[in-house]
Amino acid sequence: MSFYLSHSAEETISIGETIGNSIKPGDIIALKGNLAAGKTTITKGIARALGIKEDITSPTYTLVSEYYGSIPLYHMDMYRIESVEEFELLGIEHLIFGNGLSVIEWSERIEEYLPDEHIEIDIQRQEDGSRQITVKGLVV
């Protein structure tokens, strides 16, 4: 388990880049944290590590955004998903279990669907505005 403390969006992106440099094809990252905790911000850093030049935005309304770098990045947002059954109806399992990197915001909504071996990143906003970032399942 690794712990980080971020005091700015740029620091969070840098932490994401460090994480992104340690991932491999087929990895699944489950992002956890309250609204505006920094889930999309850390994904920007992960994308940077993969050589992705596109602007990374929250896929809240599209549910899945695909980006292509050294490996494909499938950025998913399960905020509007009510159940695993609803998730299964989307038909995107092949992305999660494929050869790209799946980064899933609000992953707790489909937690029972995720394999035991996945990376978990928990981002908690502190009273002073900083972010406590905990990474489980990945050595960075």
Protein backbone atom coordinates (compact mmCIF):
# COMPACT_ATOMS: atom_id res chain seq x y z
CA MET A 1 0.00 0.00 0.00
CA SER A 2 1.25 3.49 -0.87
CA PHE A 3 0.18 6.84 0.56
CA TYR A 4 0.44 10.29 -1.00
CA LEU A 5 -0.62 13.77 0.03
CA SER A 6 -1.45 16.24 -2.74
CA HIS A 7 -1.81 19.98 -2.24
CA SER A 8 -2.80 20.90 -5.81
CA ALA A 9 -4.29 19.56 -9.02
CA GLU A 10 -0.81 19.49 -10.58
CA GLU A 11 0.52 17.40 -7.68
CA THR A 12 -2.41 15.00 -8.11
CA ILE A 13 -1.65 14.72 -11.83
CA SER A 14 2.01 14.03 -10.99
CA ILE A 15 0.98 11.27 -8.55
CA GLY A 16 -1.22 9.82 -11.29
CA GLU A 17 1.74 9.85 -13.66
CA THR A 18 3.82 7.94 -11.10
CA ILE A 19 1.04 5.36 -10.83
CA GLY A 20 0.65 5.21 -14.62
CA ASN A 21 4.34 4.40 -15.04
CA SER A 22 3.81 1.22 -12.98
CA ILE A 23 0.76 -0.24 -14.68
CA LYS A 24 0.55 -2.91 -17.37
CA PRO A 25 -1.98 -3.93 -20.03
CA GLY A 26 -5.04 -5.57 -18.52
CA ASP A 27 -4.83 -3.68 -15.21
CA ILE A 28 -8.03 -2.42 -13.64
CA ILE A 29 -7.99 0.68 -11.44
CA ALA A 30 -10.97 1.21 -9.14
CA LEU A 31 -11.18 4.89 -8.17
CA LYS A 32 -12.96 5.82 -4.96
CA GLY A 33 -13.67 9.20 -3.43
CA ASN A 34 -16.39 11.75 -2.93
CA LEU A 35 -17.64 14.11 -5.60
CA ALA A 36 -14.81 16.45 -6.69
CA ALA A 37 -12.20 14.44 -4.78
CA GLY A 38 -9.85 14.36 -7.78
CA LYS A 39 -10.67 11.08 -9.56
CA THR A 40 -10.57 12.60 -13.05
CA THR A 41 -7.52 14.67 -12.12
CA ILE A 42 -5.49 11.62 -11.12
CA THR A 43 -6.65 9.92 -14.34
CA LYS A 44 -5.09 12.81 -16.29
CA GLY A 45 -1.72 11.88 -14.81
CA ILE A 46 -2.19 8.20 -15.57
CA ALA A 47 -3.02 9.15 -19.17
CA ARG A 48 0.07 11.35 -19.35
CA ALA A 49 2.22 8.35 -18.36
CA LEU A 50 0.66 6.39 -21.23
CA GLY A 51 1.59 9.13 -23.70
CA ILE A 52 -2.00 10.25 -24.24
CA LYS A 53 -2.13 13.85 -25.44
CA GLU A 54 -5.91 14.33 -25.47
CA ASP A 55 -7.65 16.28 -22.73
CA ILE A 56 -9.10 13.86 -20.18
CA THR A 57 -12.59 14.79 -19.02
CA SER A 58 -15.06 13.11 -16.73
CA PRO A 59 -17.13 10.48 -18.56
CA THR A 60 -20.15 11.00 -16.28
CA TYR A 61 -22.58 11.40 -19.18
CA THR A 62 -20.86 9.23 -21.78
CA LEU A 63 -20.08 6.48 -19.20
CA VAL A 64 -16.93 5.44 -21.13
CA SER A 65 -14.24 7.47 -22.85
CA GLU A 66 -11.54 5.71 -24.87
CA TYR A 67 -8.04 7.11 -25.31
CA TYR A 68 -5.08 5.61 -27.14
CA GLY A 69 -1.46 5.82 -26.06
CA SER A 70 1.14 3.13 -25.35
CA ILE A 71 -1.85 1.03 -24.25
CA PRO A 72 -5.56 1.85 -24.58
CA LEU A 73 -7.14 3.68 -21.64
CA TYR A 74 -10.81 3.06 -20.94
CA HIS A 75 -11.98 5.75 -18.53
CA MET A 76 -15.36 4.82 -17.05
CA ASP A 77 -17.74 6.56 -14.66
CA MET A 78 -20.30 4.44 -12.83
CA TYR A 79 -21.90 7.35 -10.94
CA ARG A 80 -25.23 6.96 -12.76
CA ILE A 81 -25.25 3.15 -12.65
CA GLU A 82 -27.70 1.80 -10.08
CA SER A 83 -26.78 -1.90 -10.09
CA VAL A 84 -24.44 -4.55 -11.47
CA GLU A 85 -27.31 -5.71 -13.68
CA GLU A 86 -27.59 -2.25 -15.23
CA PHE A 87 -23.82 -2.27 -15.76
CA GLU A 88 -23.99 -5.65 -17.51
CA LEU A 89 -26.63 -4.26 -19.89
CA LEU A 90 -24.07 -1.72 -21.11
CA GLY A 91 -22.05 -4.54 -22.66
CA ILE A 92 -18.64 -3.06 -21.84
CA GLU A 93 -17.15 -6.01 -19.93
CA HIS A 94 -14.81 -6.67 -22.86
CA LEU A 95 -13.16 -3.31 -22.15
CA ILE A 96 -12.59 -4.08 -18.48
CA PHE A 97 -11.22 -7.55 -19.13
CA GLY A 98 -9.29 -6.65 -22.29
CA ASN A 99 -5.68 -5.65 -22.87
CA GLY A 100 -6.07 -1.98 -22.11
CA LEU A 101 -6.13 -0.14 -18.81
CA SER A 102 -9.56 0.34 -17.26
CA VAL A 103 -9.90 3.27 -14.86
CA ILE A 104 -13.30 3.19 -13.18
CA GLU A 105 -14.68 6.17 -11.25
CA TRP A 106 -17.37 5.37 -8.65
CA SER A 107 -16.21 1.76 -8.85
CA GLU A 108 -17.98 0.88 -5.59
CA ARG A 109 -21.23 0.73 -7.60
CA ILE A 110 -19.95 -2.34 -9.46
CA GLU A 111 -17.52 -3.65 -6.85
CA GLU A 112 -18.90 -7.19 -6.87
CA TYR A 113 -18.19 -7.33 -10.61
CA LEU A 114 -14.50 -6.45 -10.27
CA PRO A 115 -11.91 -9.21 -10.02
CA ASP A 116 -10.13 -9.69 -6.70
CA GLU A 117 -6.87 -8.59 -8.26
CA HIS A 118 -7.37 -4.95 -9.12
CA ILE A 119 -5.76 -1.69 -8.12
CA GLU A 120 -7.69 0.56 -5.77
CA ILE A 121 -7.05 4.28 -5.47
CA ASP A 122 -8.94 6.08 -2.72
CA ILE A 123 -8.87 9.89 -2.73
CA GLN A 124 -10.07 11.74 0.33
CA ARG A 125 -10.32 15.52 0.49
CA GLN A 126 -8.90 16.89 3.74
CA GLU A 127 -10.17 19.90 5.69
CA ASP A 128 -7.31 22.05 4.38
CA GLY A 129 -8.20 21.18 0.76
CA SER A 130 -5.36 18.72 0.27
CA ARG A 131 -5.99 15.16 -0.93
CA GLN A 132 -4.95 11.98 0.89
CA ILE A 133 -4.39 9.35 -1.81
CA THR A 134 -4.12 5.67 -0.90
CA VAL A 135 -3.06 3.11 -3.52
CA LYS A 136 -3.65 -0.61 -2.91
CA GLY A 137 -2.66 -3.50 -5.14
CA LEU A 138 0.20 -1.79 -6.96
CA VAL A 139 3.84 -1.31 -6.07
CA VAL A 140 4.95 2.15 -7.21
